[in-house]
Amino acid sequence: MTRQKCVLFDLDGTLVDSLADLADSMNRVLIRQGLPSHPVQAYRYFVGDGITRLVQRALPAENQQDEMVQDCVTKMRQEYALHWADTTRPYPGIAQLLDALTTRGIQMAILSNKAEELTQEVVRTLLPDWHFAAVAGARATIAKKPDPTGALRIANLLDREPTDFLYVGDTNTDMQTARAAQMFAIGALWGFRTADELKKNGAQALLSAPMELCSLLDPIQSS
């Protein structure tokens, strides 16, 4: 018999659409510093690798001094903590997908580069109706994605082989993480990045809508 698959999800850009709240929070920080803000769509390429990288990408090249970056990181954390739930909601179709996976007895987990405490809060608040066997955000003791340590830790916690996992994410970082962890890399096209980026970074399948994942739960050959 074939072992039942597990699904490891990214959070932002995969399960929840947080782009506007991230963009609005960072833009308020920039404006208060007397710096130019950015269109919301620009943040599709700023987010995904943790808050420090977000700040570095949003700051002008002439304002990349360590002190400025750290000051803006602190201010961004404070601003986003107040406004992360203004408009952030699960993507259309996510509730139906999570229901379907639950009905099929599929173990589900979440791995994010968002800070651990906030990751837990987002899941508790916006995804309270589903059980996730593990929920992990960024923490000082574990390297951020695309390092595979966090993904492998979740596999170990669930007492499963990495190859049992379908990894669903929306950025190059996610695809690199999945491949490094020897998980099956699936790109979510409703998220922040393009199909071309996902394929170039190792996506083994692409989804146009969440429920398409169900068709990939049958035995998958490695590629």
N, C-alpha and C. Protein backbone atom coordinates (compact mmCIF):
# COMPACT_ATOMS: atom_id res chain seq x y z
N MET A 1 0.83 -1.20 0.00
CA MET A 1 0.00 0.00 0.00
C MET A 1 0.87 1.25 0.00
N THR A 2 0.40 2.30 -0.63
CA THR A 2 1.13 3.56 -0.69
C THR A 2 0.89 4.36 0.58
N ARG A 3 1.96 4.91 1.14
CA ARG A 3 1.81 5.74 2.33
C ARG A 3 0.99 6.99 2.00
N GLN A 4 0.13 7.37 2.95
CA GLN A 4 -0.66 8.58 2.78
C GLN A 4 0.26 9.80 2.77
N LYS A 5 0.00 10.73 1.88
CA LYS A 5 0.80 11.94 1.81
C LYS A 5 0.44 12.91 2.93
N CYS A 6 1.35 13.83 3.23
CA CYS A 6 1.12 14.97 4.12
C CYS A 6 1.26 16.23 3.28
N VAL A 7 0.69 17.33 3.76
CA VAL A 7 0.80 18.60 3.05
C VAL A 7 1.41 19.64 3.99
N LEU A 8 2.51 20.23 3.55
CA LEU A 8 3.15 21.32 4.28
C LEU A 8 2.91 22.61 3.49
N PHE A 9 2.23 23.56 4.13
CA PHE A 9 1.89 24.81 3.48
C PHE A 9 2.79 25.95 3.95
N ASP A 10 3.15 26.82 3.02
CA ASP A 10 3.58 28.17 3.36
C ASP A 10 2.33 28.91 3.86
N LEU A 11 2.51 30.09 4.46
CA LEU A 11 1.36 30.83 4.99
C LEU A 11 0.99 32.02 4.10
N ASP A 12 1.81 33.07 4.13
CA ASP A 12 1.52 34.28 3.35
C ASP A 12 1.67 34.02 1.86
N GLY A 13 0.64 34.36 1.09
CA GLY A 13 0.69 34.14 -0.34
C GLY A 13 0.27 32.75 -0.76
N THR A 14 0.01 31.89 0.23
CA THR A 14 -0.40 30.52 -0.05
C THR A 14 -1.74 30.20 0.60
N LEU A 15 -1.82 30.36 1.90
CA LEU A 15 -3.08 30.17 2.62
C LEU A 15 -3.82 31.49 2.82
N VAL A 16 -3.09 32.56 3.12
CA VAL A 16 -3.73 33.86 3.36
C VAL A 16 -3.12 34.94 2.47
N ASP A 17 -3.98 35.86 2.05
CA ASP A 17 -3.55 37.00 1.24
C ASP A 17 -3.27 38.17 2.18
N SER A 18 -2.01 38.35 2.50
CA SER A 18 -1.58 39.37 3.46
C SER A 18 -0.88 40.55 2.80
N LEU A 19 -0.88 40.58 1.47
CA LEU A 19 -0.04 41.55 0.76
C LEU A 19 -0.37 43.00 1.12
N ALA A 20 -1.65 43.35 1.14
CA ALA A 20 -2.02 44.75 1.39
C ALA A 20 -1.62 45.18 2.79
N ASP A 21 -1.82 44.34 3.79
CA ASP A 21 -1.46 44.73 5.15
C ASP A 21 0.05 44.86 5.31
N LEU A 22 0.82 43.98 4.68
CA LEU A 22 2.27 44.11 4.71
C LEU A 22 2.71 45.40 4.03
N ALA A 23 2.15 45.65 2.86
CA ALA A 23 2.53 46.85 2.09
C ALA A 23 2.13 48.13 2.82
N ASP A 24 0.91 48.18 3.32
CA ASP A 24 0.45 49.39 4.00
C ASP A 24 1.26 49.66 5.26
N SER A 25 1.59 48.61 6.00
CA SER A 25 2.37 48.79 7.23
C SER A 25 3.78 49.31 6.91
N MET A 26 4.43 48.70 5.91
CA MET A 26 5.78 49.14 5.55
C MET A 26 5.76 50.54 4.97
N ASN A 27 4.76 50.85 4.17
CA ASN A 27 4.67 52.18 3.59
C ASN A 27 4.50 53.26 4.66
N ARG A 28 3.73 52.97 5.70
CA ARG A 28 3.58 53.94 6.79
C ARG A 28 4.92 54.18 7.49
N VAL A 29 5.70 53.12 7.66
CA VAL A 29 7.03 53.28 8.26
C VAL A 29 7.90 54.16 7.37
N LEU A 30 7.91 53.90 6.07
CA LEU A 30 8.73 54.67 5.15
C LEU A 30 8.32 56.15 5.15
N ILE A 31 7.04 56.41 5.08
CA ILE A 31 6.55 57.79 5.03
C ILE A 31 6.94 58.55 6.29
N ARG A 32 6.84 57.90 7.43
CA ARG A 32 7.21 58.55 8.69
C ARG A 32 8.70 58.83 8.77
N GLN A 33 9.48 58.08 7.98
CA GLN A 33 10.92 58.32 7.92
C GLN A 33 11.26 59.35 6.84
N GLY A 34 10.26 59.86 6.16
CA GLY A 34 10.50 60.80 5.07
C GLY A 34 11.02 60.14 3.81
N LEU A 35 10.71 58.86 3.63
CA LEU A 35 11.20 58.10 2.49
C LEU A 35 10.04 57.75 1.56
N PRO A 36 10.34 57.47 0.29
CA PRO A 36 9.26 57.16 -0.66
C PRO A 36 8.62 55.81 -0.37
N SER A 37 7.31 55.74 -0.57
CA SER A 37 6.59 54.48 -0.42
C SER A 37 6.55 53.75 -1.76
N HIS A 38 5.91 52.58 -1.78
CA HIS A 38 5.87 51.74 -2.98
C HIS A 38 4.44 51.30 -3.27
N PRO A 39 4.11 51.02 -4.53
CA PRO A 39 2.80 50.44 -4.84
C PRO A 39 2.66 49.07 -4.17
N VAL A 40 1.44 48.71 -3.84
CA VAL A 40 1.20 47.43 -3.18
C VAL A 40 1.80 46.28 -3.99
N GLN A 41 1.66 46.31 -5.31
CA GLN A 41 2.13 45.20 -6.13
C GLN A 41 3.64 45.02 -6.06
N ALA A 42 4.38 46.08 -5.76
CA ALA A 42 5.83 45.96 -5.62
C ALA A 42 6.20 45.03 -4.48
N TYR A 43 5.33 44.94 -3.49
CA TYR A 43 5.62 44.12 -2.32
C TYR A 43 5.55 42.63 -2.61
N ARG A 44 5.01 42.24 -3.76
CA ARG A 44 5.05 40.83 -4.15
C ARG A 44 6.49 40.33 -4.19
N TYR A 45 7.42 41.24 -4.51
CA TYR A 45 8.82 40.85 -4.62
C TYR A 45 9.66 41.30 -3.43
N PHE A 46 9.04 41.96 -2.48
CA PHE A 46 9.74 42.36 -1.26
C PHE A 46 9.57 41.32 -0.15
N VAL A 47 8.42 40.65 -0.14
CA VAL A 47 8.09 39.74 0.97
C VAL A 47 8.55 38.32 0.65
N GLY A 48 8.52 37.49 1.69
CA GLY A 48 8.79 36.06 1.50
C GLY A 48 10.01 35.55 2.21
N ASP A 49 10.92 36.45 2.62
CA ASP A 49 12.18 36.01 3.22
C ASP A 49 12.40 36.60 4.61
N GLY A 50 11.31 36.97 5.28
CA GLY A 50 11.44 37.53 6.62
C GLY A 50 11.42 39.04 6.62
N ILE A 51 11.21 39.61 7.81
CA ILE A 51 10.97 41.05 7.91
C ILE A 51 12.22 41.87 7.61
N THR A 52 13.40 41.39 7.96
CA THR A 52 14.61 42.16 7.69
C THR A 52 14.82 42.32 6.18
N ARG A 53 14.63 41.24 5.44
CA ARG A 53 14.78 41.34 3.98
C ARG A 53 13.70 42.22 3.38
N LEU A 54 12.49 42.17 3.92
CA LEU A 54 11.43 43.06 3.46
C LEU A 54 11.85 44.52 3.62
N VAL A 55 12.36 44.86 4.79
CA VAL A 55 12.79 46.24 5.04
C VAL A 55 13.93 46.62 4.11
N GLN A 56 14.90 45.77 3.95
CA GLN A 56 16.03 46.07 3.08
C GLN A 56 15.57 46.31 1.64
N ARG A 57 14.63 45.53 1.18
CA ARG A 57 14.14 45.69 -0.19
C ARG A 57 13.31 46.96 -0.35
N ALA A 58 12.63 47.37 0.71
CA ALA A 58 11.77 48.55 0.63
C ALA A 58 12.55 49.85 0.78
N LEU A 59 13.69 49.81 1.48
CA LEU A 59 14.47 51.03 1.70
C LEU A 59 15.24 51.43 0.44
N PRO A 60 15.40 52.72 0.18
CA PRO A 60 16.25 53.17 -0.92
C PRO A 60 17.69 52.71 -0.72
N ALA A 61 18.42 52.57 -1.81
CA ALA A 61 19.79 52.08 -1.76
C ALA A 61 20.67 52.93 -0.84
N GLU A 62 20.39 54.24 -0.78
CA GLU A 62 21.23 55.13 0.04
C GLU A 62 20.86 55.09 1.52
N ASN A 63 19.88 54.28 1.88
CA ASN A 63 19.45 54.18 3.27
C ASN A 63 19.59 52.77 3.82
N GLN A 64 20.63 52.07 3.39
CA GLN A 64 20.82 50.67 3.77
C GLN A 64 21.78 50.49 4.94
N GLN A 65 22.08 51.57 5.65
CA GLN A 65 22.97 51.45 6.80
C GLN A 65 22.32 50.53 7.86
N ASP A 66 23.15 49.78 8.56
CA ASP A 66 22.65 48.81 9.54
C ASP A 66 21.71 49.46 10.56
N GLU A 67 22.08 50.65 11.03
CA GLU A 67 21.27 51.32 12.05
C GLU A 67 19.89 51.67 11.49
N MET A 68 19.85 52.15 10.26
CA MET A 68 18.57 52.49 9.64
C MET A 68 17.72 51.23 9.41
N VAL A 69 18.35 50.18 8.91
CA VAL A 69 17.61 48.93 8.68
C VAL A 69 17.01 48.42 9.98
N GLN A 70 17.81 48.37 11.04
CA GLN A 70 17.31 47.82 12.30
C GLN A 70 16.22 48.70 12.91
N ASP A 71 16.36 50.01 12.76
CA ASP A 71 15.32 50.92 13.26
C ASP A 71 14.01 50.69 12.52
N CYS A 72 14.10 50.52 11.22
CA CYS A 72 12.89 50.29 10.43
C CYS A 72 12.30 48.90 10.67
N VAL A 73 13.15 47.92 10.93
CA VAL A 73 12.66 46.59 11.29
C VAL A 73 11.83 46.67 12.56
N THR A 74 12.35 47.38 13.58
CA THR A 74 11.62 47.54 14.84
C THR A 74 10.29 48.24 14.62
N LYS A 75 10.32 49.32 13.84
CA LYS A 75 9.09 50.07 13.58
C LYS A 75 8.10 49.24 12.76
N MET A 76 8.60 48.46 11.80
CA MET A 76 7.73 47.62 11.00
C MET A 76 7.07 46.55 11.86
N ARG A 77 7.82 45.94 12.74
CA ARG A 77 7.23 44.94 13.64
C ARG A 77 6.09 45.55 14.45
N GLN A 78 6.32 46.75 14.97
CA GLN A 78 5.31 47.42 15.78
C GLN A 78 4.08 47.76 14.95
N GLU A 79 4.30 48.29 13.76
CA GLU A 79 3.20 48.71 12.89
C GLU A 79 2.39 47.50 12.42
N TYR A 80 3.09 46.47 11.99
CA TYR A 80 2.40 45.29 11.46
C TYR A 80 1.64 44.54 12.55
N ALA A 81 2.18 44.55 13.76
CA ALA A 81 1.48 43.90 14.87
C ALA A 81 0.11 44.53 15.10
N LEU A 82 -0.02 45.81 14.81
CA LEU A 82 -1.28 46.52 14.99
C LEU A 82 -2.23 46.35 13.81
N HIS A 83 -1.68 46.06 12.64
CA HIS A 83 -2.50 46.12 11.42
C HIS A 83 -2.49 44.85 10.57
N TRP A 84 -1.93 43.75 11.06
CA TRP A 84 -1.80 42.56 10.21
C TRP A 84 -3.16 41.99 9.79
N ALA A 85 -4.20 42.24 10.58
CA ALA A 85 -5.52 41.66 10.29
C ALA A 85 -6.49 42.65 9.66
N ASP A 86 -6.01 43.82 9.23
CA ASP A 86 -6.93 44.81 8.64
C ASP A 86 -7.67 44.23 7.44
N THR A 87 -6.93 43.63 6.52
CA THR A 87 -7.56 43.08 5.31
C THR A 87 -7.15 41.64 5.04
N THR A 88 -6.19 41.09 5.76
CA THR A 88 -5.70 39.74 5.50
C THR A 88 -6.79 38.70 5.74
N ARG A 89 -6.98 37.85 4.75
CA ARG A 89 -7.99 36.79 4.84
C ARG A 89 -7.49 35.57 4.06
N PRO A 90 -8.03 34.38 4.34
CA PRO A 90 -7.70 33.21 3.51
C PRO A 90 -8.10 33.45 2.05
N TYR A 91 -7.33 32.92 1.13
CA TYR A 91 -7.66 33.03 -0.28
C TYR A 91 -8.95 32.27 -0.58
N PRO A 92 -9.68 32.69 -1.60
CA PRO A 92 -10.85 31.92 -2.05
C PRO A 92 -10.45 30.47 -2.36
N GLY A 93 -11.22 29.54 -1.88
CA GLY A 93 -10.95 28.13 -2.13
C GLY A 93 -10.13 27.44 -1.07
N ILE A 94 -9.48 28.20 -0.19
CA ILE A 94 -8.65 27.59 0.85
C ILE A 94 -9.50 26.82 1.85
N ALA A 95 -10.61 27.39 2.29
CA ALA A 95 -11.48 26.70 3.24
C ALA A 95 -11.94 25.36 2.68
N GLN A 96 -12.35 25.36 1.41
CA GLN A 96 -12.81 24.12 0.79
C GLN A 96 -11.69 23.10 0.70
N LEU A 97 -10.47 23.57 0.38
CA LEU A 97 -9.33 22.66 0.31
C LEU A 97 -9.03 22.05 1.67
N LEU A 98 -8.98 22.87 2.70
CA LEU A 98 -8.67 22.35 4.03
C LEU A 98 -9.75 21.39 4.51
N ASP A 99 -11.00 21.68 4.17
CA ASP A 99 -12.08 20.74 4.49
C ASP A 99 -11.86 19.40 3.80
N ALA A 100 -11.50 19.46 2.51
CA ALA A 100 -11.31 18.24 1.74
C ALA A 100 -10.14 17.42 2.28
N LEU A 101 -9.04 18.08 2.62
CA LEU A 101 -7.88 17.36 3.17
C LEU A 101 -8.22 16.74 4.52
N THR A 102 -8.97 17.48 5.33
CA THR A 102 -9.38 16.96 6.64
C THR A 102 -10.26 15.72 6.47
N THR A 103 -11.20 15.78 5.54
CA THR A 103 -12.09 14.65 5.29
C THR A 103 -11.30 13.42 4.85
N ARG A 104 -10.24 13.64 4.11
CA ARG A 104 -9.42 12.52 3.62
C ARG A 104 -8.39 12.06 4.64
N GLY A 105 -8.34 12.72 5.79
CA GLY A 105 -7.39 12.33 6.83
C GLY A 105 -5.96 12.69 6.52
N ILE A 106 -5.75 13.71 5.71
CA ILE A 106 -4.41 14.16 5.35
C ILE A 106 -3.83 15.03 6.47
N GLN A 107 -2.65 14.69 6.94
CA GLN A 107 -1.98 15.55 7.92
C GLN A 107 -1.55 16.85 7.25
N MET A 108 -1.76 17.96 7.94
CA MET A 108 -1.41 19.28 7.40
C MET A 108 -0.51 20.00 8.39
N ALA A 109 0.42 20.80 7.85
CA ALA A 109 1.32 21.60 8.68
C ALA A 109 1.61 22.91 7.94
N ILE A 110 2.14 23.88 8.69
CA ILE A 110 2.45 25.21 8.14
C ILE A 110 3.87 25.59 8.54
N LEU A 111 4.62 26.13 7.58
CA LEU A 111 5.96 26.66 7.84
C LEU A 111 6.07 28.03 7.18
N SER A 112 6.38 29.05 7.97
CA SER A 112 6.42 30.42 7.48
C SER A 112 7.72 31.10 7.89
N ASN A 113 8.13 32.09 7.10
CA ASN A 113 9.23 32.98 7.51
C ASN A 113 8.72 34.18 8.30
N LYS A 114 7.43 34.25 8.53
CA LYS A 114 6.87 35.25 9.45
C LYS A 114 7.28 34.87 10.87
N ALA A 115 7.43 35.83 11.75
CA ALA A 115 7.85 35.55 13.12
C ALA A 115 6.94 34.50 13.77
N GLU A 116 7.53 33.67 14.60
CA GLU A 116 6.82 32.55 15.22
C GLU A 116 5.53 32.97 15.92
N GLU A 117 5.61 33.95 16.80
CA GLU A 117 4.44 34.35 17.57
C GLU A 117 3.33 34.85 16.66
N LEU A 118 3.68 35.63 15.66
CA LEU A 118 2.67 36.17 14.76
C LEU A 118 2.11 35.07 13.85
N THR A 119 2.96 34.15 13.42
CA THR A 119 2.47 33.01 12.64
C THR A 119 1.39 32.26 13.40
N GLN A 120 1.66 31.99 14.67
CA GLN A 120 0.69 31.28 15.49
C GLN A 120 -0.60 32.08 15.63
N GLU A 121 -0.49 33.40 15.79
CA GLU A 121 -1.67 34.24 15.95
C GLU A 121 -2.51 34.27 14.67
N VAL A 122 -1.84 34.37 13.52
CA VAL A 122 -2.57 34.39 12.25
C VAL A 122 -3.35 33.09 12.07
N VAL A 123 -2.70 31.96 12.35
CA VAL A 123 -3.37 30.67 12.17
C VAL A 123 -4.53 30.52 13.15
N ARG A 124 -4.32 30.91 14.40
CA ARG A 124 -5.41 30.82 15.39
C ARG A 124 -6.60 31.69 14.98
N THR A 125 -6.32 32.86 14.44
CA THR A 125 -7.37 33.83 14.14
C THR A 125 -8.08 33.55 12.83
N LEU A 126 -7.32 33.23 11.77
CA LEU A 126 -7.90 33.13 10.44
C LEU A 126 -8.17 31.69 9.99
N LEU A 127 -7.54 30.72 10.64
CA LEU A 127 -7.71 29.31 10.25
C LEU A 127 -8.06 28.46 11.47
N PRO A 128 -9.05 28.89 12.26
CA PRO A 128 -9.33 28.21 13.52
C PRO A 128 -10.09 26.89 13.39
N ASP A 129 -10.66 26.64 12.23
CA ASP A 129 -11.55 25.49 12.07
C ASP A 129 -10.84 24.22 11.62
N TRP A 130 -9.52 24.28 11.45
CA TRP A 130 -8.79 23.12 10.95
C TRP A 130 -7.62 22.79 11.86
N HIS A 131 -7.30 21.51 11.93
CA HIS A 131 -6.18 21.06 12.75
C HIS A 131 -4.92 20.95 11.91
N PHE A 132 -3.88 21.62 12.37
CA PHE A 132 -2.56 21.51 11.75
C PHE A 132 -1.64 20.78 12.73
N ALA A 133 -1.02 19.72 12.25
CA ALA A 133 -0.18 18.90 13.11
C ALA A 133 1.04 19.67 13.62
N ALA A 134 1.46 20.68 12.88
CA ALA A 134 2.56 21.55 13.30
C ALA A 134 2.38 22.90 12.64
N VAL A 135 2.67 23.96 13.37
CA VAL A 135 2.67 25.33 12.85
C VAL A 135 3.96 25.98 13.32
N ALA A 136 4.80 26.41 12.39
CA ALA A 136 6.11 26.96 12.75
C ALA A 136 6.38 28.24 11.98
N GLY A 137 6.84 29.25 12.69
CA GLY A 137 7.28 30.50 12.08
C GLY A 137 8.77 30.68 12.30
N ALA A 138 9.26 31.86 11.97
CA ALA A 138 10.69 32.15 12.11
C ALA A 138 11.06 32.27 13.58
N ARG A 139 12.15 31.66 13.94
CA ARG A 139 12.68 31.75 15.30
C ARG A 139 14.21 31.80 15.22
N ALA A 140 14.82 32.36 16.24
CA ALA A 140 16.26 32.61 16.21
C ALA A 140 17.08 31.33 16.13
N THR A 141 16.55 30.22 16.63
CA THR A 141 17.32 28.99 16.74
C THR A 141 17.26 28.12 15.48
N ILE A 142 16.43 28.50 14.51
CA ILE A 142 16.28 27.70 13.29
C ILE A 142 16.42 28.61 12.07
N ALA A 143 17.24 28.22 11.13
CA ALA A 143 17.47 29.04 9.93
C ALA A 143 16.17 29.19 9.15
N LYS A 144 15.99 30.38 8.58
CA LYS A 144 14.81 30.65 7.77
C LYS A 144 14.87 29.88 6.44
N LYS A 145 13.70 29.68 5.86
CA LYS A 145 13.65 29.20 4.47
C LYS A 145 14.43 30.17 3.58
N PRO A 146 15.15 29.68 2.58
CA PRO A 146 15.10 28.37 1.96
C PRO A 146 15.94 27.28 2.62
N ASP A 147 16.58 27.56 3.74
CA ASP A 147 17.23 26.48 4.48
C ASP A 147 16.17 25.44 4.82
N PRO A 148 16.43 24.15 4.59
CA PRO A 148 15.40 23.13 4.79
C PRO A 148 15.21 22.69 6.24
N THR A 149 15.98 23.26 7.17
CA THR A 149 15.94 22.77 8.56
C THR A 149 14.53 22.79 9.14
N GLY A 150 13.80 23.88 8.93
CA GLY A 150 12.45 23.98 9.49
C GLY A 150 11.53 22.93 8.92
N ALA A 151 11.60 22.72 7.61
CA ALA A 151 10.76 21.71 6.96
C ALA A 151 11.12 20.31 7.45
N LEU A 152 12.39 20.02 7.59
CA LEU A 152 12.82 18.71 8.07
C LEU A 152 12.44 18.49 9.52
N ARG A 153 12.46 19.56 10.30
CA ARG A 153 12.03 19.46 11.70
C ARG A 153 10.56 19.07 11.77
N ILE A 154 9.73 19.65 10.91
CA ILE A 154 8.31 19.30 10.89
C ILE A 154 8.12 17.84 10.49
N ALA A 155 8.86 17.38 9.50
CA ALA A 155 8.78 15.97 9.11
C ALA A 155 9.13 15.07 10.29
N ASN A 156 10.14 15.44 11.04
CA ASN A 156 10.54 14.66 12.20
C ASN A 156 9.47 14.68 13.29
N LEU A 157 8.88 15.86 13.53
CA LEU A 157 7.82 15.97 14.53
C LEU A 157 6.62 15.08 14.19
N LEU A 158 6.33 14.98 12.90
CA LEU A 158 5.19 14.17 12.46
C LEU A 158 5.57 12.70 12.27
N ASP A 159 6.85 12.38 12.51
CA ASP A 159 7.36 11.02 12.34
C ASP A 159 7.10 10.52 10.92
N ARG A 160 7.40 11.39 9.96
CA ARG A 160 7.22 11.06 8.55
C ARG A 160 8.51 11.31 7.79
N GLU A 161 8.65 10.65 6.66
CA GLU A 161 9.78 10.90 5.77
C GLU A 161 9.52 12.18 4.98
N PRO A 162 10.55 12.98 4.70
CA PRO A 162 10.36 14.19 3.88
C PRO A 162 9.67 13.89 2.55
N THR A 163 9.95 12.73 1.97
CA THR A 163 9.36 12.39 0.69
C THR A 163 7.86 12.11 0.78
N ASP A 164 7.31 12.04 1.99
CA ASP A 164 5.86 11.89 2.17
C ASP A 164 5.12 13.20 1.97
N PHE A 165 5.85 14.32 1.89
CA PHE A 165 5.23 15.64 1.91
C PHE A 165 5.04 16.25 0.54
N LEU A 166 3.86 16.84 0.34
CA LEU A 166 3.65 17.80 -0.72
C LEU A 166 3.85 19.17 -0.08
N TYR A 167 4.76 19.96 -0.62
CA TYR A 167 5.05 21.29 -0.08
C TYR A 167 4.41 22.32 -1.01
N VAL A 168 3.47 23.10 -0.49
CA VAL A 168 2.75 24.09 -1.29
C VAL A 168 3.19 25.50 -0.89
N GLY A 169 3.74 26.24 -1.82
CA GLY A 169 4.18 27.60 -1.56
C GLY A 169 4.08 28.46 -2.81
N ASP A 170 4.37 29.75 -2.65
CA ASP A 170 4.13 30.67 -3.77
C ASP A 170 5.35 31.44 -4.22
N THR A 171 6.54 31.15 -3.67
CA THR A 171 7.73 31.92 -4.03
C THR A 171 8.91 31.02 -4.37
N ASN A 172 9.95 31.63 -4.94
CA ASN A 172 11.19 30.90 -5.19
C ASN A 172 11.75 30.30 -3.90
N THR A 173 11.62 31.04 -2.81
CA THR A 173 12.09 30.56 -1.51
C THR A 173 11.42 29.24 -1.14
N ASP A 174 10.12 29.15 -1.36
CA ASP A 174 9.39 27.93 -1.03
C ASP A 174 9.82 26.76 -1.90
N MET A 175 9.98 27.00 -3.19
CA MET A 175 10.37 25.91 -4.08
C MET A 175 11.78 25.41 -3.72
N GLN A 176 12.68 26.34 -3.41
CA GLN A 176 14.04 25.94 -3.02
C GLN A 176 14.03 25.15 -1.71
N THR A 177 13.17 25.57 -0.78
CA THR A 177 13.05 24.86 0.49
C THR A 177 12.56 23.44 0.26
N ALA A 178 11.51 23.31 -0.53
CA ALA A 178 10.94 21.99 -0.79
C ALA A 178 11.97 21.06 -1.42
N ARG A 179 12.66 21.53 -2.42
CA ARG A 179 13.62 20.67 -3.11
C ARG A 179 14.78 20.30 -2.20
N ALA A 180 15.25 21.28 -1.40
CA ALA A 180 16.36 20.99 -0.47
C ALA A 180 15.95 19.97 0.58
N ALA A 181 14.68 19.97 0.95
CA ALA A 181 14.18 19.03 1.95
C ALA A 181 13.73 17.71 1.35
N GLN A 182 13.80 17.59 0.03
CA GLN A 182 13.35 16.40 -0.70
C GLN A 182 11.84 16.18 -0.56
N MET A 183 11.11 17.29 -0.52
CA MET A 183 9.65 17.25 -0.56
C MET A 183 9.19 17.61 -1.97
N PHE A 184 7.96 17.22 -2.31
CA PHE A 184 7.43 17.48 -3.65
C PHE A 184 6.98 18.94 -3.72
N ALA A 185 7.62 19.72 -4.60
CA ALA A 185 7.44 21.18 -4.64
C ALA A 185 6.27 21.57 -5.54
N ILE A 186 5.29 22.26 -4.94
CA ILE A 186 4.09 22.66 -5.66
C ILE A 186 3.94 24.18 -5.57
N GLY A 187 3.82 24.84 -6.71
CA GLY A 187 3.68 26.29 -6.76
C GLY A 187 2.23 26.73 -6.79
N ALA A 188 1.89 27.67 -5.91
CA ALA A 188 0.54 28.23 -5.84
C ALA A 188 0.47 29.49 -6.69
N LEU A 189 -0.22 29.43 -7.80
CA LEU A 189 -0.24 30.55 -8.75
C LEU A 189 -1.13 31.70 -8.31
N TRP A 190 -1.94 31.51 -7.28
CA TRP A 190 -2.76 32.62 -6.75
C TRP A 190 -1.97 33.51 -5.80
N GLY A 191 -0.71 33.17 -5.54
CA GLY A 191 0.08 33.89 -4.56
C GLY A 191 0.84 35.07 -5.13
N PHE A 192 2.04 35.31 -4.61
CA PHE A 192 2.76 36.55 -4.86
C PHE A 192 3.66 36.53 -6.10
N ARG A 193 4.01 35.35 -6.61
CA ARG A 193 5.01 35.29 -7.68
C ARG A 193 4.47 34.60 -8.93
N THR A 194 5.30 34.55 -9.98
CA THR A 194 4.86 34.06 -11.28
C THR A 194 5.16 32.57 -11.47
N ALA A 195 4.47 31.99 -12.45
CA ALA A 195 4.71 30.60 -12.80
C ALA A 195 6.16 30.41 -13.26
N ASP A 196 6.69 31.36 -14.01
CA ASP A 196 8.05 31.26 -14.50
C ASP A 196 9.05 31.18 -13.35
N GLU A 197 8.88 32.04 -12.35
CA GLU A 197 9.78 32.01 -11.20
C GLU A 197 9.68 30.68 -10.47
N LEU A 198 8.47 30.20 -10.27
CA LEU A 198 8.27 28.95 -9.54
C LEU A 198 8.91 27.78 -10.29
N LYS A 199 8.72 27.71 -11.59
CA LYS A 199 9.30 26.62 -12.38
C LYS A 199 10.82 26.68 -12.38
N LYS A 200 11.37 27.88 -12.52
CA LYS A 200 12.83 28.03 -12.53
C LYS A 200 13.46 27.63 -11.21
N ASN A 201 12.70 27.68 -10.14
CA ASN A 201 13.24 27.35 -8.82
C ASN A 201 12.81 25.98 -8.32
N GLY A 202 12.33 25.15 -9.25
CA GLY A 202 12.15 23.75 -8.91
C GLY A 202 10.74 23.25 -8.73
N ALA A 203 9.73 24.05 -9.03
CA ALA A 203 8.36 23.57 -8.89
C ALA A 203 8.15 22.32 -9.74
N GLN A 204 7.59 21.29 -9.12
CA GLN A 204 7.30 20.04 -9.83
C GLN A 204 5.84 19.97 -10.29
N ALA A 205 5.03 20.88 -9.79
CA ALA A 205 3.64 21.02 -10.22
C ALA A 205 3.21 22.44 -9.90
N LEU A 206 2.23 22.94 -10.66
CA LEU A 206 1.67 24.27 -10.43
C LEU A 206 0.16 24.15 -10.27
N LEU A 207 -0.39 24.92 -9.34
CA LEU A 207 -1.83 24.93 -9.09
C LEU A 207 -2.41 26.28 -9.45
N SER A 208 -3.47 26.29 -10.24
CA SER A 208 -4.18 27.53 -10.55
C SER A 208 -5.23 27.86 -9.50
N ALA A 209 -5.71 26.84 -8.80
CA ALA A 209 -6.73 27.02 -7.76
C ALA A 209 -6.48 26.00 -6.66
N PRO A 210 -6.80 26.32 -5.41
CA PRO A 210 -6.48 25.43 -4.30
C PRO A 210 -6.97 23.99 -4.44
N MET A 211 -8.21 23.78 -4.89
CA MET A 211 -8.76 22.43 -4.93
C MET A 211 -8.03 21.51 -5.91
N GLU A 212 -7.22 22.08 -6.80
CA GLU A 212 -6.44 21.25 -7.72
C GLU A 212 -5.43 20.38 -6.97
N LEU A 213 -5.10 20.76 -5.74
CA LEU A 213 -4.15 19.96 -4.96
C LEU A 213 -4.67 18.54 -4.75
N CYS A 214 -5.97 18.38 -4.64
CA CYS A 214 -6.53 17.06 -4.34
C CYS A 214 -6.15 16.02 -5.38
N SER A 215 -5.98 16.45 -6.63
CA SER A 215 -5.63 15.50 -7.69
C SER A 215 -4.18 15.02 -7.57
N LEU A 216 -3.38 15.69 -6.74
CA LEU A 216 -1.97 15.31 -6.59
C LEU A 216 -1.72 14.44 -5.37
N LEU A 217 -2.77 14.02 -4.71
CA LEU A 217 -2.61 13.22 -3.51
C LEU A 217 -2.43 11.74 -3.78
N ASP A 218 -2.57 11.34 -5.06
CA ASP A 218 -2.26 9.97 -5.44
C ASP A 218 -0.74 9.82 -5.50
N PRO A 219 -0.22 8.61 -5.59
CA PRO A 219 1.23 8.41 -5.61
C PRO A 219 1.90 9.31 -6.65
N ILE A 220 2.99 9.95 -6.23
CA ILE A 220 3.72 10.88 -7.09
C ILE A 220 5.13 10.34 -7.33
N GLN A 221 5.54 10.34 -8.57
CA GLN A 221 6.89 9.93 -8.89
C GLN A 221 7.83 11.13 -8.74
N SER A 222 9.00 10.90 -8.17
CA SER A 222 9.97 11.98 -7.99
C SER A 222 10.44 12.45 -9.36
N SER A 223 10.73 13.76 -9.44
CA SER A 223 11.26 14.31 -10.70
C SER A 223 12.41 15.24 -10.41
